[in-house]
Amino acid sequence: MRKTVETIGFILVLMGVSGAVDRLWTQPIMSLFLNAFDRWVIPHLPFATGYEVYANLMLAVVGGVIILLGGRLKA
């Protein structure tokens, strides 16, 4: 269970960083998967319009928190 939670957190960190990089520059590596949050979720959130980079960085922070909390779970 702990490894599953940590893996989900790691994927969220990757997606957040990738989305922020894609907004600031281009992201050629696995962009269809890693930028899914940036392309399909953010456009449907009216409060995130204009703050896409911050939303992606917040996703990375949430992923980091999930990784930390996953490390505290019992094996």
C-alpha atoms as a PDB file:
ATOM      1  CA  MET A   1       0.000   0.000   0.000  1.00  0.00           C
ATOM      2  CA  ARG A   2       2.810   2.391   0.899  1.00  0.00           C
ATOM      3  CA  LYS A   3       4.607   1.954  -2.418  1.00  0.00           C
ATOM      4  CA  THR A   4       1.360   2.510  -4.318  1.00  0.00           C
ATOM      5  CA  VAL A   5       0.712   5.800  -2.533  1.00  0.00           C
ATOM      6  CA  GLU A   6       4.310   6.905  -3.066  1.00  0.00           C
ATOM      7  CA  THR A   7       4.102   6.003  -6.762  1.00  0.00           C
ATOM      8  CA  ILE A   8       0.925   8.054  -7.184  1.00  0.00           C
ATOM      9  CA  GLY A   9       2.626  10.972  -5.447  1.00  0.00           C
ATOM     10  CA  PHE A  10       5.671  10.642  -7.699  1.00  0.00           C
ATOM     11  CA  ILE A  11       3.491  10.648 -10.820  1.00  0.00           C
ATOM     12  CA  LEU A  12       1.707  13.780  -9.579  1.00  0.00           C
ATOM     13  CA  VAL A  13       5.055  15.492  -9.002  1.00  0.00           C
ATOM     14  CA  LEU A  14       6.149  14.564 -12.525  1.00  0.00           C
ATOM     15  CA  MET A  15       2.863  15.786 -13.998  1.00  0.00           C
ATOM     16  CA  GLY A  16       3.050  19.089 -12.119  1.00  0.00           C
ATOM     17  CA  VAL A  17       6.643  19.835 -13.069  1.00  0.00           C
ATOM     18  CA  SER A  18       6.056  18.738 -16.662  1.00  0.00           C
ATOM     19  CA  GLY A  19       2.986  20.946 -16.984  1.00  0.00           C
ATOM     20  CA  ALA A  20       4.867  23.957 -15.606  1.00  0.00           C
ATOM     21  CA  VAL A  21       7.761  23.338 -17.989  1.00  0.00           C
ATOM     22  CA  ASP A  22       5.310  22.966 -20.871  1.00  0.00           C
ATOM     23  CA  ARG A  23       3.713  26.340 -20.027  1.00  0.00           C
ATOM     24  CA  LEU A  24       7.089  28.080 -19.824  1.00  0.00           C
ATOM     25  CA  TRP A  25       8.834  26.270 -22.665  1.00  0.00           C
ATOM     26  CA  THR A  26       8.145  22.977 -24.483  1.00  0.00           C
ATOM     27  CA  GLN A  27       7.948  19.466 -23.085  1.00  0.00           C
ATOM     28  CA  PRO A  28       8.734  16.829 -25.705  1.00  0.00           C
ATOM     29  CA  ILE A  29       9.046  13.835 -23.338  1.00  0.00           C
ATOM     30  CA  MET A  30       5.806  11.901 -22.787  1.00  0.00           C
ATOM     31  CA  SER A  31       3.848  15.128 -23.096  1.00  0.00           C
ATOM     32  CA  LEU A  32       0.508  13.416 -23.792  1.00  0.00           C
ATOM     33  CA  PHE A  33       0.590  11.579 -20.452  1.00  0.00           C
ATOM     34  CA  LEU A  34       2.517  14.011 -18.257  1.00  0.00           C
ATOM     35  CA  ASN A  35       0.578  17.080 -19.390  1.00  0.00           C
ATOM     36  CA  ALA A  36      -2.863  15.510 -19.019  1.00  0.00           C
ATOM     37  CA  PHE A  37      -3.670  17.664 -15.979  1.00  0.00           C
ATOM     38  CA  ASP A  38      -2.495  20.769 -17.795  1.00  0.00           C
ATOM     39  CA  ARG A  39      -4.492  20.077 -20.951  1.00  0.00           C
ATOM     40  CA  TRP A  40      -7.694  18.462 -19.695  1.00  0.00           C
ATOM     41  CA  VAL A  41      -8.291  19.619 -16.106  1.00  0.00           C
ATOM     42  CA  ILE A  42      -7.035  23.199 -15.877  1.00  0.00           C
ATOM     43  CA  PRO A  43      -9.152  24.534 -18.803  1.00  0.00           C
ATOM     44  CA  HIS A  44     -12.296  23.412 -16.936  1.00  0.00           C
ATOM     45  CA  LEU A  45     -11.360  25.211 -13.707  1.00  0.00           C
ATOM     46  CA  PRO A  46     -12.381  28.858 -14.043  1.00  0.00           C
ATOM     47  CA  PHE A  47     -10.295  29.999 -11.059  1.00  0.00           C
ATOM     48  CA  ALA A  48      -7.129  28.516 -12.641  1.00  0.00           C
ATOM     49  CA  THR A  49      -7.444  30.517 -15.854  1.00  0.00           C
ATOM     50  CA  GLY A  50      -4.358  32.685 -16.094  1.00  0.00           C
ATOM     51  CA  TYR A  51      -2.639  30.807 -13.272  1.00  0.00           C
ATOM     52  CA  GLU A  52      -1.736  27.606 -15.117  1.00  0.00           C
ATOM     53  CA  VAL A  53       1.900  27.570 -14.006  1.00  0.00           C
ATOM     54  CA  TYR A  54       0.892  27.990 -10.362  1.00  0.00           C
ATOM     55  CA  ALA A  55      -1.739  25.257 -10.677  1.00  0.00           C
ATOM     56  CA  ASN A  56       0.857  22.868 -12.093  1.00  0.00           C
ATOM     57  CA  LEU A  57       3.355  23.715  -9.374  1.00  0.00           C
ATOM     58  CA  MET A  58       0.636  23.203  -6.763  1.00  0.00           C
ATOM     59  CA  LEU A  59      -0.002  19.756  -8.249  1.00  0.00           C
ATOM     60  CA  ALA A  60       3.707  19.000  -7.808  1.00  0.00           C
ATOM     61  CA  VAL A  61       3.538  20.156  -4.170  1.00  0.00           C
ATOM     62  CA  VAL A  62       0.471  17.978  -3.521  1.00  0.00           C
ATOM     63  CA  GLY A  63       2.346  15.033  -5.034  1.00  0.00           C
ATOM     64  CA  GLY A  64       5.289  15.723  -2.733  1.00  0.00           C
ATOM     65  CA  VAL A  65       2.999  15.818   0.291  1.00  0.00           C
ATOM     66  CA  ILE A  66       1.463  12.497  -0.788  1.00  0.00           C
ATOM     67  CA  ILE A  67       4.945  10.994  -1.042  1.00  0.00           C
ATOM     68  CA  LEU A  68       5.788  12.198   2.462  1.00  0.00           C
ATOM     69  CA  LEU A  69       2.524  10.919   3.894  1.00  0.00           C
ATOM     70  CA  GLY A  70       2.957   7.610   2.071  1.00  0.00           C
ATOM     71  CA  GLY A  71       6.288   7.134   3.809  1.00  0.00           C
ATOM     72  CA  ARG A  72       4.524   7.351   7.175  1.00  0.00           C
ATOM     73  CA  LEU A  73       2.046   4.555   6.345  1.00  0.00           C
ATOM     74  CA  LYS A  74       2.629   1.163   7.889  1.00  0.00           C
ATOM     75  CA  ALA A  75       3.967  -1.443   5.503  1.00  0.00           C
END
